[in-house]
Protein backbone atom coordinates (compact mmCIF):
# COMPACT_ATOMS: atom_id res chain seq x y z
CA MET A 1 -21.75 -48.12 -4.72
CA GLY A 2 -19.91 -50.51 -2.19
CA PHE A 3 -17.24 -50.02 0.28
CA LYS A 4 -14.05 -48.71 -1.42
CA PHE A 5 -11.55 -49.04 1.47
CA TYR A 6 -10.76 -45.22 1.01
CA ALA A 7 -9.38 -44.83 4.53
CA ALA A 8 -6.80 -47.62 3.78
CA TRP A 9 -6.03 -45.70 0.41
CA LEU A 10 -5.51 -42.43 2.04
CA ALA A 11 -3.17 -44.13 4.83
CA GLY A 12 -1.22 -45.49 1.79
CA ILE A 13 -0.86 -42.08 0.45
CA CYS A 14 0.41 -40.84 3.77
CA VAL A 15 2.98 -43.51 3.82
CA LEU A 16 4.15 -42.72 0.26
CA VAL A 17 4.48 -38.89 1.20
CA PHE A 18 6.34 -39.86 4.45
CA ILE A 19 9.02 -41.77 2.32
CA LEU A 20 9.24 -38.85 0.04
CA GLN A 21 9.88 -36.66 3.10
CA THR A 22 12.60 -38.94 4.46
CA VAL A 23 14.18 -39.38 1.02
CA PHE A 24 14.08 -35.81 -0.29
CA SER A 25 15.69 -32.91 1.84
CA GLY A 26 13.31 -29.86 1.79
CA PHE A 27 10.33 -31.80 0.51
CA THR A 28 8.36 -31.34 3.75
CA GLU A 29 9.03 -27.53 3.55
CA LEU A 30 7.49 -27.27 0.08
CA PHE A 31 4.05 -28.73 1.25
CA LEU A 32 3.54 -27.90 4.86
CA LEU A 33 1.11 -25.28 6.30
CA ASN A 34 2.86 -21.97 6.97
CA GLU A 35 2.66 -18.34 6.35
CA LEU A 36 2.87 -19.02 2.57
CA SER A 37 -0.47 -20.93 2.59
CA PHE A 38 -2.59 -18.26 1.21
CA SER A 39 -0.35 -17.45 -1.88
CA GLN A 40 0.44 -21.22 -2.12
CA PRO A 41 -3.18 -22.66 -1.46
CA TRP A 42 -2.29 -26.45 -2.26
CA ARG A 43 -0.57 -26.33 1.07
CA PHE A 44 -4.02 -26.48 2.70
CA VAL A 45 -4.53 -30.17 1.06
CA THR A 46 -0.81 -31.23 0.97
CA ALA A 47 -0.04 -30.65 4.54
CA ILE A 48 -2.84 -33.13 5.63
CA PHE A 49 -0.63 -35.82 4.14
CA LEU A 50 2.59 -34.82 5.81
CA HIS A 51 3.89 -36.11 9.12
CA GLY A 52 6.62 -34.83 11.48
CA GLY A 53 8.00 -38.29 12.22
CA LEU A 54 7.28 -42.00 12.39
CA THR A 55 5.67 -42.07 15.64
CA HIS A 56 3.44 -39.18 14.50
CA LEU A 57 2.60 -41.21 11.19
CA ILE A 58 2.03 -44.60 13.07
CA TYR A 59 -0.65 -42.90 15.57
CA ASN A 60 -2.49 -41.24 12.69
CA LEU A 61 -2.47 -44.21 10.34
CA PHE A 62 -4.04 -46.38 13.03
CA ALA A 63 -6.84 -43.58 13.97
CA LEU A 64 -7.56 -42.97 10.18
CA VAL A 65 -7.96 -46.65 9.11
CA LEU A 66 -10.08 -47.73 12.24
CA PHE A 67 -12.37 -44.75 12.69
CA GLY A 68 -12.27 -43.84 8.77
CA SER A 69 -13.40 -47.30 7.71
CA MET A 70 -16.23 -47.31 10.41
CA LEU A 71 -17.29 -44.02 9.17
CA GLU A 72 -17.15 -45.18 5.52
CA ARG A 73 -19.30 -48.16 6.05
CA LEU A 74 -21.78 -46.01 8.00
CA VAL A 75 -22.26 -43.02 5.51
CA GLY A 76 -20.82 -44.53 2.34
CA SER A 77 -17.39 -43.88 0.63
CA LYS A 78 -18.14 -40.61 -1.12
CA ARG A 79 -19.44 -38.85 1.89
CA PHE A 80 -16.62 -40.33 4.00
CA LEU A 81 -14.21 -38.48 1.28
CA ALA A 82 -16.07 -35.42 1.68
CA VAL A 83 -15.72 -35.46 5.66
CA PHE A 84 -11.93 -36.26 5.34
CA PHE A 85 -10.94 -33.56 2.85
CA ILE A 86 -13.52 -30.79 4.15
CA THR A 87 -12.60 -31.17 7.77
CA GLY A 88 -8.97 -31.39 7.07
CA ILE A 89 -8.85 -28.24 4.93
CA GLY A 90 -11.00 -26.72 7.38
CA ALA A 91 -8.73 -27.50 10.23
CA ASN A 92 -5.82 -26.01 8.26
CA LEU A 93 -7.69 -22.92 7.37
CA PHE A 94 -8.28 -22.32 11.03
CA SER A 95 -4.80 -23.48 12.29
CA VAL A 96 -2.92 -21.20 9.98
CA PHE A 97 -3.72 -18.14 12.11
CA PHE A 98 -2.39 -19.50 15.22
CA TYR A 99 0.62 -21.76 14.48
CA PRO A 100 3.75 -20.66 12.36
CA SER A 101 3.72 -24.12 10.59
CA SER A 102 1.77 -27.25 10.89
CA LEU A 103 1.26 -30.59 9.30
CA GLY A 104 -0.51 -33.98 9.54
CA ALA A 105 -3.88 -35.54 9.20
CA SER A 106 -5.03 -34.97 12.74
CA GLY A 107 -7.63 -32.28 11.78
CA ALA A 108 -9.02 -34.59 9.36
CA ILE A 109 -8.93 -37.49 11.59
CA PHE A 110 -10.87 -35.63 14.40
CA GLY A 111 -13.41 -34.64 11.86
CA ILE A 112 -14.04 -38.21 11.04
CA ILE A 113 -14.44 -38.91 14.98
CA GLY A 114 -16.74 -35.93 15.31
CA SER A 115 -18.93 -37.35 12.45
CA LEU A 116 -18.92 -40.92 14.12
CA ILE A 117 -19.97 -39.29 17.47
CA VAL A 118 -23.22 -37.82 16.01
CA VAL A 119 -23.92 -40.80 13.33
CA ARG A 120 -23.23 -43.69 15.97
CA PRO A 121 -23.09 -42.11 19.43
CA THR A 122 -23.05 -45.52 21.15
CA LEU A 123 -20.64 -47.23 19.24
CA VAL A 124 -18.14 -48.92 21.50
CA VAL A 125 -14.46 -48.06 21.00
CA PHE A 126 -11.11 -48.46 23.02
CA ALA A 127 -9.90 -45.16 24.32
CA PHE A 128 -7.46 -44.43 27.19
CA GLY A 129 -7.29 -48.26 27.49
CA LEU A 130 -10.97 -48.75 28.15
CA PRO A 131 -13.97 -49.62 26.00
CA MET A 132 -16.48 -46.73 26.11
CA PRO A 133 -19.18 -45.23 23.87
CA MET A 134 -18.08 -43.11 20.94
CA PHE A 135 -19.55 -39.91 22.48
CA ILE A 136 -17.85 -40.42 25.78
CA ALA A 137 -14.49 -40.92 24.02
CA GLY A 138 -15.12 -37.70 22.04
CA ILE A 139 -15.78 -35.77 25.17
CA LEU A 140 -12.53 -36.89 27.00
CA TRP A 141 -10.64 -36.34 23.82
CA THR A 142 -12.10 -32.93 23.38
CA ALA A 143 -11.21 -31.99 26.83
CA GLY A 144 -7.56 -33.01 26.59
CA ASP A 145 -7.46 -30.68 23.48
CA ILE A 146 -9.05 -27.81 25.28
CA ILE A 147 -6.48 -28.17 28.08
CA GLY A 148 -3.77 -28.48 25.37
CA ALA A 149 -5.20 -24.99 23.55
CA VAL A 150 -5.23 -23.31 26.97
CA GLY A 151 -1.66 -24.21 27.56
CA TYR A 152 -0.65 -23.02 24.05
CA PHE A 153 -2.32 -19.52 24.54
CA ILE A 154 -0.94 -18.99 27.90
CA GLY A 155 2.68 -19.89 26.68
CA ASN A 156 2.93 -23.22 28.38
CA PRO A 157 2.27 -25.61 25.59
CA VAL A 158 2.40 -29.39 26.65
CA ASN A 159 3.99 -30.56 23.57
CA ASN A 160 3.92 -29.85 19.64
CA THR A 161 0.29 -31.26 19.22
CA GLY A 162 -2.04 -29.11 17.07
CA ASN A 163 -4.91 -29.05 19.55
CA LEU A 164 -6.85 -26.16 17.80
CA ALA A 165 -6.77 -28.25 14.58
CA HIS A 166 -8.24 -31.26 16.45
CA LEU A 167 -10.88 -28.88 17.88
CA SER A 168 -11.69 -27.27 14.57
CA GLY A 169 -11.71 -30.64 12.75
CA MET A 170 -13.94 -32.09 15.34
CA ALA A 171 -16.43 -29.21 15.28
CA ILE A 172 -16.81 -29.46 11.56
CA GLY A 173 -17.24 -33.10 11.76
CA LEU A 174 -19.98 -32.72 14.33
CA LEU A 175 -21.80 -30.55 11.88
CA PHE A 176 -21.48 -33.16 9.12
CA GLY A 177 -22.91 -35.87 11.26
CA ALA A 178 -25.80 -33.85 12.17
CA LEU A 179 -26.29 -32.94 8.65
CA TYR A 180 -26.25 -36.45 7.56
CA ARG A 181 -28.60 -37.64 10.16
CA ASP A 182 -30.98 -35.04 9.05
CA TRP A 183 -30.64 -35.79 5.38
CA ARG A 184 -31.12 -39.56 6.22
CA GLN A 185 -34.27 -38.93 8.34
CA ARG A 186 -35.62 -36.75 5.31
CA ARG A 187 -34.74 -39.02 2.84
CA ILE A 188 -35.80 -42.35 4.07
CA PRO A 189 -38.68 -41.93 6.57
CA SER A 190 -39.02 -45.70 6.97
CA GLU A 191 -40.86 -45.81 10.33
CA ARG A 192 -43.64 -43.24 8.94
CA ILE A 193 -44.23 -45.25 5.81
CA GLY A 194 -43.92 -48.84 7.14
CA LEU A 195 -41.28 -50.28 5.27
CA ASP A 196 -38.93 -52.99 6.66
CA GLU A 197 -35.92 -51.83 8.11
CA GLY A 198 -33.74 -54.65 6.72
CA PHE A 199 -34.91 -53.86 3.16
CA MET A 200 -34.05 -50.04 3.50
CA ARG A 201 -30.65 -50.91 4.54
CA GLN A 202 -29.96 -53.07 1.89
CA TRP A 203 -31.67 -50.27 -0.44
CA GLU A 204 -29.35 -47.52 0.99
CA ASP A 205 -25.98 -49.83 0.82
CA THR A 206 -26.88 -50.44 -2.91
CA HIS A 207 -27.83 -46.93 -4.28
CA LEU A 208 -26.38 -44.34 -1.73
CA LYS A 209 -22.79 -45.63 -1.33
């Protein structure tokens, strides 16, 4: 199946949820990630779509639509959704042990980035105001989150960023990317059987997305 624009749809859900957060007092507290999450497990999903403010929302929407659309085109819409939700939930499962409360799509977005790093490492993106390969940008983002996580553990956090959610989401995303590359090489060994690469890409776009 073709490209479904799921990244844009997910961004739209985030906007709708943010409006509900703004209009209804107490809405955020019902759905964010906190100590109640294991007795109210829907929070592991709903917290992904909550945001702490307009700036938080805008940055996440930009990254989700940009990197999410890239990944969706490369691996297919269904696999993109799997990456988004599994990395987002996985990051929340990890984060709940360290933060008293958290919210946002950052864990899922870093999962998307992690998958892109493996699937298309030389893809040129703009990061820190400069064009660079995806894997270099990933290294720099990871280094920044490691520094932030160290600051959190030593009691000197730089800000309220969920660095541990970023790192755990990235790790799960890297695993997804590795599994996808391995599956693709096993499923379509085009070089060994001598099929035309353009034909194989067209076949994959038609039947695997």
